[in-house]
C-alpha atoms as a PDB file:
ATOM      1  CA  MET A   1      -0.244  -0.276   0.259  1.00  0.00           C
ATOM      2  CA  SER A   2       1.192   3.475  -0.505  1.00  0.00           C
ATOM      3  CA  GLY A   3      -0.466   7.335  -0.666  1.00  0.00           C
ATOM      4  CA  GLU A   4      -0.917   9.234   2.058  1.00  0.00           C
ATOM      5  CA  SER A   5      -2.940   8.760   5.111  1.00  0.00           C
ATOM      6  CA  HIS A   6      -5.740  10.546   5.664  1.00  0.00           C
ATOM      7  CA  LYS A   7      -8.627  10.543   8.611  1.00  0.00           C
ATOM      8  CA  THR A   8     -12.280   9.240   8.595  1.00  0.00           C
ATOM      9  CA  VAL A   9     -15.144   8.251  10.298  1.00  0.00           C
ATOM     10  CA  ILE A  10     -16.710   5.184   9.638  1.00  0.00           C
ATOM     11  CA  LYS A  11     -19.983   4.749   8.926  1.00  0.00           C
ATOM     12  CA  GLY A  12     -23.284   2.520   6.369  1.00  0.00           C
ATOM     13  CA  ASN A  13     -24.507  -0.953   7.367  1.00  0.00           C
ATOM     14  CA  THR A  14     -23.198  -2.459  10.037  1.00  0.00           C
ATOM     15  CA  SER A  15     -22.982  -5.235   7.194  1.00  0.00           C
ATOM     16  CA  LYS A  16     -20.659  -3.508   5.624  1.00  0.00           C
ATOM     17  CA  TYR A  17     -16.728  -4.888   5.131  1.00  0.00           C
ATOM     18  CA  VAL A  18     -13.441  -2.783   5.857  1.00  0.00           C
ATOM     19  CA  LYS A  19     -10.308  -3.816   5.408  1.00  0.00           C
ATOM     20  CA  LEU A  20      -7.739  -3.288   8.511  1.00  0.00           C
ATOM     21  CA  ASN A  21      -4.171  -2.569   8.526  1.00  0.00           C
ATOM     22  CA  VAL A  22      -2.938  -3.631  12.085  1.00  0.00           C
ATOM     23  CA  GLY A  23       1.036  -3.317  12.390  1.00  0.00           C
ATOM     24  CA  GLY A  24       1.314  -4.488   8.672  1.00  0.00           C
ATOM     25  CA  ALA A  25      -1.138  -7.725   8.790  1.00  0.00           C
ATOM     26  CA  LEU A  26      -4.347  -7.933   7.104  1.00  0.00           C
ATOM     27  CA  HIS A  27      -7.796  -8.720   7.458  1.00  0.00           C
ATOM     28  CA  TYR A  28     -10.964  -8.101   6.835  1.00  0.00           C
ATOM     29  CA  THR A  29     -14.346  -7.995   8.910  1.00  0.00           C
ATOM     30  CA  THR A  30     -17.172  -6.743   9.303  1.00  0.00           C
ATOM     31  CA  ILE A  31     -18.013  -3.520  11.107  1.00  0.00           C
ATOM     32  CA  SER A  32     -20.830  -5.565  13.349  1.00  0.00           C
ATOM     33  CA  THR A  33     -18.344  -7.800  14.228  1.00  0.00           C
ATOM     34  CA  LEU A  34     -16.299  -4.905  15.144  1.00  0.00           C
ATOM     35  CA  ILE A  35     -18.703  -3.844  17.015  1.00  0.00           C
ATOM     36  CA  LYS A  36     -19.815  -6.544  18.966  1.00  0.00           C
ATOM     37  CA  HIS A  37     -18.728  -6.143  22.018  1.00  0.00           C
ATOM     38  CA  ASP A  38     -18.610  -2.976  24.125  1.00  0.00           C
ATOM     39  CA  THR A  39     -14.451  -2.247  23.169  1.00  0.00           C
ATOM     40  CA  MET A  40     -12.484   0.250  21.930  1.00  0.00           C
ATOM     41  CA  LEU A  41     -12.988  -1.541  18.178  1.00  0.00           C
ATOM     42  CA  ARG A  42     -17.151  -0.138  18.548  1.00  0.00           C
ATOM     43  CA  ALA A  43     -16.037   2.865  19.120  1.00  0.00           C
ATOM     44  CA  MET A  44     -14.093   3.357  16.506  1.00  0.00           C
ATOM     45  CA  PHE A  45     -15.835   1.791  14.322  1.00  0.00           C
ATOM     46  CA  SER A  46     -19.481   2.292  15.098  1.00  0.00           C
ATOM     47  CA  GLY A  47     -18.714   6.586  13.980  1.00  0.00           C
ATOM     48  CA  ARG A  48     -17.808   7.960  17.384  1.00  0.00           C
ATOM     49  CA  MET A  49     -14.356   8.818  16.321  1.00  0.00           C
ATOM     50  CA  GLU A  50     -11.926   9.080  13.768  1.00  0.00           C
ATOM     51  CA  VAL A  51     -10.013   6.923  11.784  1.00  0.00           C
ATOM     52  CA  LEU A  52      -6.837   6.072  10.124  1.00  0.00           C
ATOM     53  CA  THR A  53      -6.762   5.382   6.597  1.00  0.00           C
ATOM     54  CA  ASP A  54      -4.437   5.311   3.183  1.00  0.00           C
ATOM     55  CA  SER A  55      -5.272   5.823   0.038  1.00  0.00           C
ATOM     56  CA  ASP A  56      -6.434   2.756  -0.595  1.00  0.00           C
ATOM     57  CA  GLY A  57      -8.882   2.582   1.898  1.00  0.00           C
ATOM     58  CA  TRP A  58      -6.793   0.233   4.538  1.00  0.00           C
ATOM     59  CA  ILE A  59      -8.229   1.649   7.766  1.00  0.00           C
ATOM     60  CA  LEU A  60      -4.717   1.486   9.440  1.00  0.00           C
ATOM     61  CA  ILE A  61      -3.760   0.363  13.338  1.00  0.00           C
ATOM     62  CA  ASP A  62      -0.671   1.234  15.279  1.00  0.00           C
ATOM     63  CA  ARG A  63      -0.701  -2.295  17.166  1.00  0.00           C
ATOM     64  CA  CYS A  64       1.332  -5.264  16.513  1.00  0.00           C
ATOM     65  CA  GLY A  65      -0.790  -7.537  14.202  1.00  0.00           C
ATOM     66  CA  LYS A  66      -0.234 -11.218  15.529  1.00  0.00           C
ATOM     67  CA  HIS A  67      -3.411 -11.690  17.662  1.00  0.00           C
ATOM     68  CA  PHE A  68      -5.633  -9.617  15.936  1.00  0.00           C
ATOM     69  CA  GLY A  69      -7.150 -12.300  14.702  1.00  0.00           C
ATOM     70  CA  SER A  70      -7.646 -14.154  17.796  1.00  0.00           C
ATOM     71  CA  ILE A  71      -9.234 -10.523  19.156  1.00  0.00           C
ATOM     72  CA  LEU A  72     -11.559 -10.775  16.001  1.00  0.00           C
ATOM     73  CA  ASN A  73     -12.618 -14.470  16.498  1.00  0.00           C
ATOM     74  CA  PHE A  74     -13.379 -13.665  20.363  1.00  0.00           C
ATOM     75  CA  LEU A  75     -15.704 -10.623  18.902  1.00  0.00           C
ATOM     76  CA  ARG A  76     -17.347 -12.520  16.734  1.00  0.00           C
ATOM     77  CA  ASP A  77     -17.254 -16.493  18.861  1.00  0.00           C
ATOM     78  CA  GLY A  78     -17.689 -14.910  22.608  1.00  0.00           C
ATOM     79  CA  LYS A  79     -15.030 -17.827  22.670  1.00  0.00           C
ATOM     80  CA  LEU A  80     -12.006 -18.094  22.118  1.00  0.00           C
ATOM     81  CA  PRO A  81      -9.011 -20.760  22.316  1.00  0.00           C
ATOM     82  CA  LEU A  82      -6.253 -20.054  24.145  1.00  0.00           C
ATOM     83  CA  PRO A  83      -2.338 -20.272  23.564  1.00  0.00           C
ATOM     84  CA  GLU A  84      -0.322 -22.744  24.913  1.00  0.00           C
ATOM     85  CA  ASN A  85       2.613 -21.123  25.589  1.00  0.00           C
ATOM     86  CA  ARG A  86       2.917 -18.852  28.718  1.00  0.00           C
ATOM     87  CA  ARG A  87       4.677 -15.926  26.505  1.00  0.00           C
ATOM     88  CA  GLU A  88       1.839 -15.537  23.994  1.00  0.00           C
ATOM     89  CA  LEU A  89      -0.943 -15.717  26.755  1.00  0.00           C
ATOM     90  CA  LEU A  90       1.338 -12.460  27.759  1.00  0.00           C
ATOM     91  CA  GLU A  91       1.032 -11.668  24.794  1.00  0.00           C
ATOM     92  CA  LEU A  92      -2.982 -11.610  24.280  1.00  0.00           C
ATOM     93  CA  GLN A  93      -3.404 -10.198  27.457  1.00  0.00           C
ATOM     94  CA  GLN A  94      -1.776  -7.253  26.757  1.00  0.00           C
ATOM     95  CA  GLU A  95      -3.757  -7.206  23.438  1.00  0.00           C
ATOM     96  CA  ALA A  96      -7.426  -7.515  24.876  1.00  0.00           C
ATOM     97  CA  LYS A  97      -6.100  -4.693  27.589  1.00  0.00           C
ATOM     98  CA  TYR A  98      -5.239  -2.315  24.573  1.00  0.00           C
ATOM     99  CA  TYR A  99      -8.831  -2.825  22.613  1.00  0.00           C
ATOM    100  CA  LEU A 100     -10.908  -2.911  26.344  1.00  0.00           C
ATOM    101  CA  VAL A 101     -12.018  -6.642  25.023  1.00  0.00           C
ATOM    102  CA  GLN A 102     -12.845  -7.559  28.881  1.00  0.00           C
ATOM    103  CA  ASP A 103     -14.237 -10.638  28.785  1.00  0.00           C
ATOM    104  CA  LEU A 104     -11.519 -11.968  26.704  1.00  0.00           C
ATOM    105  CA  GLY A 105      -8.451 -10.470  29.554  1.00  0.00           C
ATOM    106  CA  ALA A 106     -10.859 -12.025  32.166  1.00  0.00           C
ATOM    107  CA  MET A 107     -10.714 -15.370  30.846  1.00  0.00           C
ATOM    108  CA  ILE A 108      -6.614 -15.433  30.228  1.00  0.00           C
ATOM    109  CA  GLU A 109      -6.661 -13.799  33.748  1.00  0.00           C
ATOM    110  CA  GLN A 110      -7.701 -16.904  34.693  1.00  0.00           C
ATOM    111  CA  ALA A 111      -6.079 -19.108  32.620  1.00  0.00           C
ATOM    112  CA  LEU A 112      -2.931 -17.735  34.269  1.00  0.00           C
ATOM    113  CA  LYS A 113      -3.871 -18.809  37.299  1.00  0.00           C
ATOM    114  CA  VAL A 114      -4.479 -21.954  36.886  1.00  0.00           C
ATOM    115  CA  ARG A 115      -1.306 -22.320  34.935  1.00  0.00           C
ATOM    116  CA  GLU A 116       0.835 -20.833  38.285  1.00  0.00           C
ATOM    117  CA  GLU A 117      -1.175 -23.514  40.159  1.00  0.00           C
ATOM    118  CA  LEU A 118      -0.037 -26.338  38.064  1.00  0.00           C
ATOM    119  CA  ASP A 119       3.592 -25.171  37.573  1.00  0.00           C
ATOM    120  CA  PRO A 120       6.224 -26.651  39.796  1.00  0.00           C
ATOM    121  CA  VAL A 121       5.951 -24.822  43.559  1.00  0.00           C
ATOM    122  CA  CYS A 122       9.231 -23.458  43.507  1.00  0.00           C
ATOM    123  CA  LYS A 123      12.880 -22.754  41.043  1.00  0.00           C
ATOM    124  CA  VAL A 124      15.737 -23.403  42.519  1.00  0.00           C
ATOM    125  CA  PRO A 125      18.526 -21.719  40.659  1.00  0.00           C
ATOM    126  CA  LEU A 126      21.670 -23.634  40.514  1.00  0.00           C
ATOM    127  CA  ILE A 127      24.689 -22.073  40.286  1.00  0.00           C
ATOM    128  CA  THR A 128      28.342 -23.129  39.653  1.00  0.00           C
ATOM    129  CA  SER A 129      30.914 -19.802  40.197  1.00  0.00           C
ATOM    130  CA  SER A 130      30.236 -17.323  42.670  1.00  0.00           C
ATOM    131  CA  ARG A 131      29.504 -15.090  39.309  1.00  0.00           C
ATOM    132  CA  GLU A 132      26.047 -16.501  39.156  1.00  0.00           C
ATOM    133  CA  GLU A 133      25.623 -15.956  42.930  1.00  0.00           C
ATOM    134  CA  GLN A 134      27.043 -12.154  43.159  1.00  0.00           C
ATOM    135  CA  GLN A 135      24.417 -11.714  40.358  1.00  0.00           C
ATOM    136  CA  LEU A 136      21.248 -13.304  41.739  1.00  0.00           C
ATOM    137  CA  VAL A 137      21.928 -11.541  45.040  1.00  0.00           C
ATOM    138  CA  ALA A 138      22.174  -8.248  43.728  1.00  0.00           C
ATOM    139  CA  SER A 139      19.005  -8.923  40.873  1.00  0.00           C
ATOM    140  CA  THR A 140      16.401  -9.783  44.043  1.00  0.00           C
ATOM    141  CA  GLN A 141      14.410  -7.592  46.159  1.00  0.00           C
ATOM    142  CA  LYS A 142      14.285 -11.068  48.445  1.00  0.00           C
ATOM    143  CA  PRO A 143      16.473 -12.170  50.923  1.00  0.00           C
ATOM    144  CA  VAL A 144      18.302 -15.181  49.502  1.00  0.00           C
ATOM    145  CA  VAL A 145      19.368 -18.434  50.879  1.00  0.00           C
ATOM    146  CA  LYS A 146      21.823 -20.373  49.895  1.00  0.00           C
ATOM    147  CA  LEU A 147      23.421 -23.680  50.284  1.00  0.00           C
ATOM    148  CA  LEU A 148      26.840 -25.404  48.597  1.00  0.00           C
ATOM    149  CA  CYS A 149      26.381 -28.935  48.347  1.00  0.00           C
ATOM    150  CA  ASN A 150      30.104 -30.286  46.908  1.00  0.00           C
ATOM    151  CA  ARG A 151      30.094 -33.903  48.119  1.00  0.00           C
ATOM    152  CA  HIS A 152      32.727 -35.292  45.339  1.00  0.00           C
ATOM    153  CA  ASN A 153      35.194 -33.048  47.495  1.00  0.00           C
ATOM    154  CA  ASN A 154      37.119 -36.557  48.489  1.00  0.00           C
ATOM    155  CA  LYS A 155      40.460 -34.848  50.073  1.00  0.00           C
ATOM    156  CA  TYR A 156      40.179 -36.651  53.246  1.00  0.00           C
ATOM    157  CA  SER A 157      37.379 -39.508  54.187  1.00  0.00           C
ATOM    158  CA  TYR A 158      34.016 -39.197  55.326  1.00  0.00           C
ATOM    159  CA  THR A 159      32.885 -40.162  59.130  1.00  0.00           C
ATOM    160  CA  SER A 160      30.507 -42.886  58.918  1.00  0.00           C
ATOM    161  CA  ASN A 161      26.973 -40.507  59.450  1.00  0.00           C
ATOM    162  CA  SER A 162      29.126 -37.399  57.888  1.00  0.00           C
ATOM    163  CA  ASP A 163      26.615 -38.682  54.353  1.00  0.00           C
ATOM    164  CA  ASP A 164      23.364 -38.802  56.467  1.00  0.00           C
ATOM    165  CA  ASN A 165      23.934 -35.705  57.773  1.00  0.00           C
ATOM    166  CA  LEU A 166      24.188 -33.987  54.351  1.00  0.00           C
ATOM    167  CA  LEU A 167      21.033 -35.998  52.890  1.00  0.00           C
ATOM    168  CA  LYS A 168      19.389 -34.170  56.281  1.00  0.00           C
ATOM    169  CA  ASN A 169      21.079 -30.631  54.966  1.00  0.00           C
ATOM    170  CA  ILE A 170      19.576 -31.407  51.602  1.00  0.00           C
ATOM    171  CA  GLU A 171      16.137 -32.310  52.664  1.00  0.00           C
ATOM    172  CA  LEU A 172      16.101 -29.386  55.061  1.00  0.00           C
ATOM    173  CA  PHE A 173      16.830 -27.344  52.269  1.00  0.00           C
ATOM    174  CA  ASP A 174      13.843 -28.774  50.210  1.00  0.00           C
ATOM    175  CA  LYS A 175      11.808 -28.099  52.850  1.00  0.00           C
ATOM    176  CA  LEU A 176      12.492 -24.958  53.667  1.00  0.00           C
ATOM    177  CA  SER A 177      12.081 -23.552  49.547  1.00  0.00           C
ATOM    178  CA  LEU A 178       9.049 -25.359  49.343  1.00  0.00           C
ATOM    179  CA  ARG A 179       7.334 -23.048  52.551  1.00  0.00           C
ATOM    180  CA  PHE A 180       8.655 -19.631  52.099  1.00  0.00           C
ATOM    181  CA  HIS A 181       9.553 -20.098  48.368  1.00  0.00           C
ATOM    182  CA  GLY A 182       6.969 -17.073  47.611  1.00  0.00           C
ATOM    183  CA  ARG A 183       9.109 -14.780  50.090  1.00  0.00           C
ATOM    184  CA  VAL A 184      13.110 -15.522  50.283  1.00  0.00           C
ATOM    185  CA  LEU A 185      14.986 -16.740  47.077  1.00  0.00           C
ATOM    186  CA  PHE A 186      16.598 -19.933  47.680  1.00  0.00           C
ATOM    187  CA  ILE A 187      19.857 -21.456  45.663  1.00  0.00           C
ATOM    188  CA  LYS A 188      22.030 -24.290  45.365  1.00  0.00           C
ATOM    189  CA  ASP A 189      25.689 -23.901  44.766  1.00  0.00           C
ATOM    190  CA  VAL A 190      27.379 -27.478  43.278  1.00  0.00           C
ATOM    191  CA  ILE A 191      31.257 -26.453  42.374  1.00  0.00           C
ATOM    192  CA  GLY A 192      31.375 -23.293  43.857  1.00  0.00           C
ATOM    193  CA  SER A 193      34.287 -23.385  46.171  1.00  0.00           C
ATOM    194  CA  ASN A 194      36.383 -26.496  48.277  1.00  0.00           C
ATOM    195  CA  GLU A 195      33.860 -26.296  50.952  1.00  0.00           C
ATOM    196  CA  ILE A 196      31.554 -29.693  50.789  1.00  0.00           C
ATOM    197  CA  CYS A 197      28.858 -28.445  52.719  1.00  0.00           C
ATOM    198  CA  CYS A 198      27.709 -24.439  54.179  1.00  0.00           C
ATOM    199  CA  TRP A 199      24.359 -22.247  53.959  1.00  0.00           C
ATOM    200  CA  SER A 200      25.168 -18.704  53.541  1.00  0.00           C
ATOM    201  CA  PHE A 201      22.248 -16.141  54.214  1.00  0.00           C
ATOM    202  CA  TYR A 202      21.721 -12.960  52.445  1.00  0.00           C
ATOM    203  CA  GLY A 203      19.565  -9.952  53.076  1.00  0.00           C
ATOM    204  CA  HIS A 204      19.336  -6.511  51.177  1.00  0.00           C
ATOM    205  CA  GLY A 205      22.272  -7.656  48.883  1.00  0.00           C
ATOM    206  CA  ALA A 206      25.071  -8.712  51.513  1.00  0.00           C
ATOM    207  CA  LYS A 207      25.610 -11.406  52.779  1.00  0.00           C
ATOM    208  CA  ILE A 208      23.890 -11.612  56.650  1.00  0.00           C
ATOM    209  CA  SER A 209      25.813 -14.547  58.306  1.00  0.00           C
ATOM    210  CA  GLU A 210      26.858 -18.222  57.654  1.00  0.00           C
ATOM    211  CA  VAL A 211      26.275 -21.893  58.658  1.00  0.00           C
ATOM    212  CA  CYS A 212      29.349 -24.247  58.013  1.00  0.00           C
ATOM    213  CA  CYS A 213      28.284 -27.826  58.111  1.00  0.00           C
ATOM    214  CA  THR A 214      31.798 -29.467  58.095  1.00  0.00           C
ATOM    215  CA  SER A 215      35.224 -29.546  59.892  1.00  0.00           C
ATOM    216  CA  ILE A 216      38.344 -31.829  59.875  1.00  0.00           C
ATOM    217  CA  VAL A 217      38.495 -34.603  62.635  1.00  0.00           C
ATOM    218  CA  TYR A 218      41.516 -36.489  63.515  1.00  0.00           C
ATOM    219  CA  GLY A 219      41.547 -40.439  63.547  1.00  0.00           C
ATOM    220  CA  THR A 220      44.591 -42.618  64.469  1.00  0.00           C
ATOM    221  CA  ASP A 221      46.171 -43.001  61.265  1.00  0.00           C
ATOM    222  CA  LYS A 222      44.163 -40.494  58.927  1.00  0.00           C
ATOM    223  CA  LYS A 223      41.777 -37.354  58.710  1.00  0.00           C
ATOM    224  CA  HIS A 224      38.808 -37.548  58.335  1.00  0.00           C
ATOM    225  CA  THR A 225      35.745 -34.853  56.996  1.00  0.00           C
ATOM    226  CA  LYS A 226      32.945 -34.482  59.050  1.00  0.00           C
ATOM    227  CA  VAL A 227      29.570 -33.256  58.040  1.00  0.00           C
ATOM    228  CA  GLU A 228      27.110 -32.122  60.451  1.00  0.00           C
ATOM    229  CA  PHE A 229      23.034 -31.194  61.009  1.00  0.00           C
ATOM    230  CA  PRO A 230      23.351 -27.930  62.692  1.00  0.00           C
ATOM    231  CA  GLU A 231      19.227 -27.852  61.922  1.00  0.00           C
ATOM    232  CA  ALA A 232      18.264 -25.663  65.230  1.00  0.00           C
ATOM    233  CA  ARG A 233      21.145 -22.921  63.877  1.00  0.00           C
ATOM    234  CA  ILE A 234      19.552 -23.106  60.003  1.00  0.00           C
ATOM    235  CA  PHE A 235      16.226 -22.497  61.595  1.00  0.00           C
ATOM    236  CA  GLU A 236      16.781 -19.758  63.008  1.00  0.00           C
ATOM    237  CA  GLU A 237      19.264 -18.238  60.424  1.00  0.00           C
ATOM    238  CA  THR A 238      16.401 -18.300  58.202  1.00  0.00           C
ATOM    239  CA  LEU A 239      14.280 -16.526  60.335  1.00  0.00           C
ATOM    240  CA  ASN A 240      16.480 -14.212  60.459  1.00  0.00           C
ATOM    241  CA  VAL A 241      16.774 -13.500  56.553  1.00  0.00           C
ATOM    242  CA  LEU A 242      12.693 -12.747  57.135  1.00  0.00           C
ATOM    243  CA  LEU A 243      13.739  -9.885  58.488  1.00  0.00           C
ATOM    244  CA  TYR A 244      15.666  -8.234  55.188  1.00  0.00           C
ATOM    245  CA  GLU A 245      11.876  -9.301  53.249  1.00  0.00           C
ATOM    246  CA  HIS A 246      11.298  -5.338  52.846  1.00  0.00           C
ATOM    247  CA  ARG A 247      13.219  -2.862  51.343  1.00  0.00           C
ATOM    248  CA  GLY A 248      12.853   0.053  53.655  1.00  0.00           C
ATOM    249  CA  LYS A 249      11.262  -0.996  56.756  1.00  0.00           C
ATOM    250  CA  GLY A 250      12.588  -1.873  59.926  1.00  0.00           C
ATOM    251  CA  PRO A 251      12.651  -5.259  61.380  1.00  0.00           C
ATOM    252  CA  ASP A 252       9.471  -7.426  61.809  1.00  0.00           C
ATOM    253  CA  ALA A 253       8.822  -7.277  65.616  1.00  0.00           C
ATOM    254  CA  GLU A 254       6.380 -10.744  66.090  1.00  0.00           C
ATOM    255  CA  LEU A 255       9.418 -12.447  63.391  1.00  0.00           C
ATOM    256  CA  MET A 256      11.927 -11.349  65.839  1.00  0.00           C
ATOM    257  CA  GLN A 257      10.166 -12.378  68.551  1.00  0.00           C
ATOM    258  CA  ALA A 258       9.373 -16.317  66.716  1.00  0.00           C
ATOM    259  CA  THR A 259      13.659 -15.480  65.748  1.00  0.00           C
ATOM    260  CA  ARG A 260      13.883 -14.996  69.687  1.00  0.00           C
ATOM    261  CA  GLY A 261      12.607 -18.382  70.274  1.00  0.00           C
ATOM    262  CA  ALA A 262      14.268 -20.485  68.380  1.00  0.00           C
ATOM    263  CA  ARG A 263      17.893 -19.140  69.188  1.00  0.00           C
ATOM    264  CA  ASP A 264      16.737 -19.737  73.536  1.00  0.00           C
ATOM    265  CA  GLY A 265      15.820 -23.251  72.162  1.00  0.00           C
ATOM    266  CA  ALA A 266      18.425 -23.985  70.021  1.00  0.00           C
ATOM    267  CA  GLN A 267      20.782 -25.980  73.511  1.00  0.00           C
ATOM    268  CA  GLY A 268      18.111 -28.656  73.769  1.00  0.00           C
ATOM    269  CA  TYR A 269      16.867 -28.841  70.304  1.00  0.00           C
ATOM    270  CA  ASN A 270      15.479 -32.180  68.923  1.00  0.00           C
ATOM    271  CA  SER A 271      12.954 -31.085  66.790  1.00  0.00           C
ATOM    272  CA  ASP A 272      11.757 -28.237  64.145  1.00  0.00           C
ATOM    273  CA  GLU A 273       8.269 -28.068  65.528  1.00  0.00           C
ATOM    274  CA  ASP A 274       8.589 -25.421  68.363  1.00  0.00           C
ATOM    275  CA  VAL A 275      10.010 -23.433  65.710  1.00  0.00           C
ATOM    276  CA  GLU A 276       7.836 -23.910  63.040  1.00  0.00           C
ATOM    277  CA  ASP A 277       4.856 -23.336  65.373  1.00  0.00           C
ATOM    278  CA  LYS A 278       6.267 -20.401  66.592  1.00  0.00           C
ATOM    279  CA  LEU A 279       6.590 -18.947  62.618  1.00  0.00           C
ATOM    280  CA  ASP A 280       2.949 -20.241  62.297  1.00  0.00           C
ATOM    281  CA  ARG A 281       1.469 -17.618  64.630  1.00  0.00           C
ATOM    282  CA  ALA A 282       3.677 -14.978  62.954  1.00  0.00           C
ATOM    283  CA  MET A 283       2.462 -15.695  60.154  1.00  0.00           C
ATOM    284  CA  ARG A 284      -0.541 -15.746  61.093  1.00  0.00           C
ATOM    285  CA  ARG A 285      -0.795 -12.162  62.802  1.00  0.00           C
ATOM    286  CA  LYS A 286       0.304 -10.220  59.280  1.00  0.00           C
END
């Protein structure tokens, strides 16, 4: 299409066909389809406002035409098979918002909620370098809990219960990440250093504490690597990072109290139930 564009008002029988050029995508439809629902398109094609046309009579709409066919199909039928791809679904949502097709927008919103529920409960980034760690910590607004797990470090033999304790650390990490994934960013490091099992806790972009779970013990013949499972301390530090959840705000008093309770009971701690109860009560009050 060539020639100058000019503004005009669309009038005439609702069965009249009009030619649309939406961002280079050409469509041919009736006025009755375009004014069927209370949308921006009804305002454009009911004679209430001017539209831009070129010399060949194509009505110009300055939007991407990728999903305009779906918009037309929804206007015709009142229903539409939605895209399977999340990105395309979000793109269609933007077009529905632009054209003020509210019923379609509501359908897409509901579909996104359902798909979010079907997605994995949480996703834990796996990092392999300190640079990746720094980028993640700097880019998130959430506090961060990182577990470094490097079992293939076999400089010394392991004590008899080291593998069991290493597994317990991993299981606790999974449990905490499932519970707090919406509020804390959990990341796992598999080859980041010479450490074997170490927890790191970050708030407001800076490391605030660390729990190292490995040490060297001396046997009669050689050195051994000992892996510990300081469960109460890990719970305590996880509660502490929640205090850094909102930048620019002071510590949450109820979470402070829950954390203090975990610290006070750490000496004789055999179960996480008391700590979890305190935390649950604090969460319910928020």
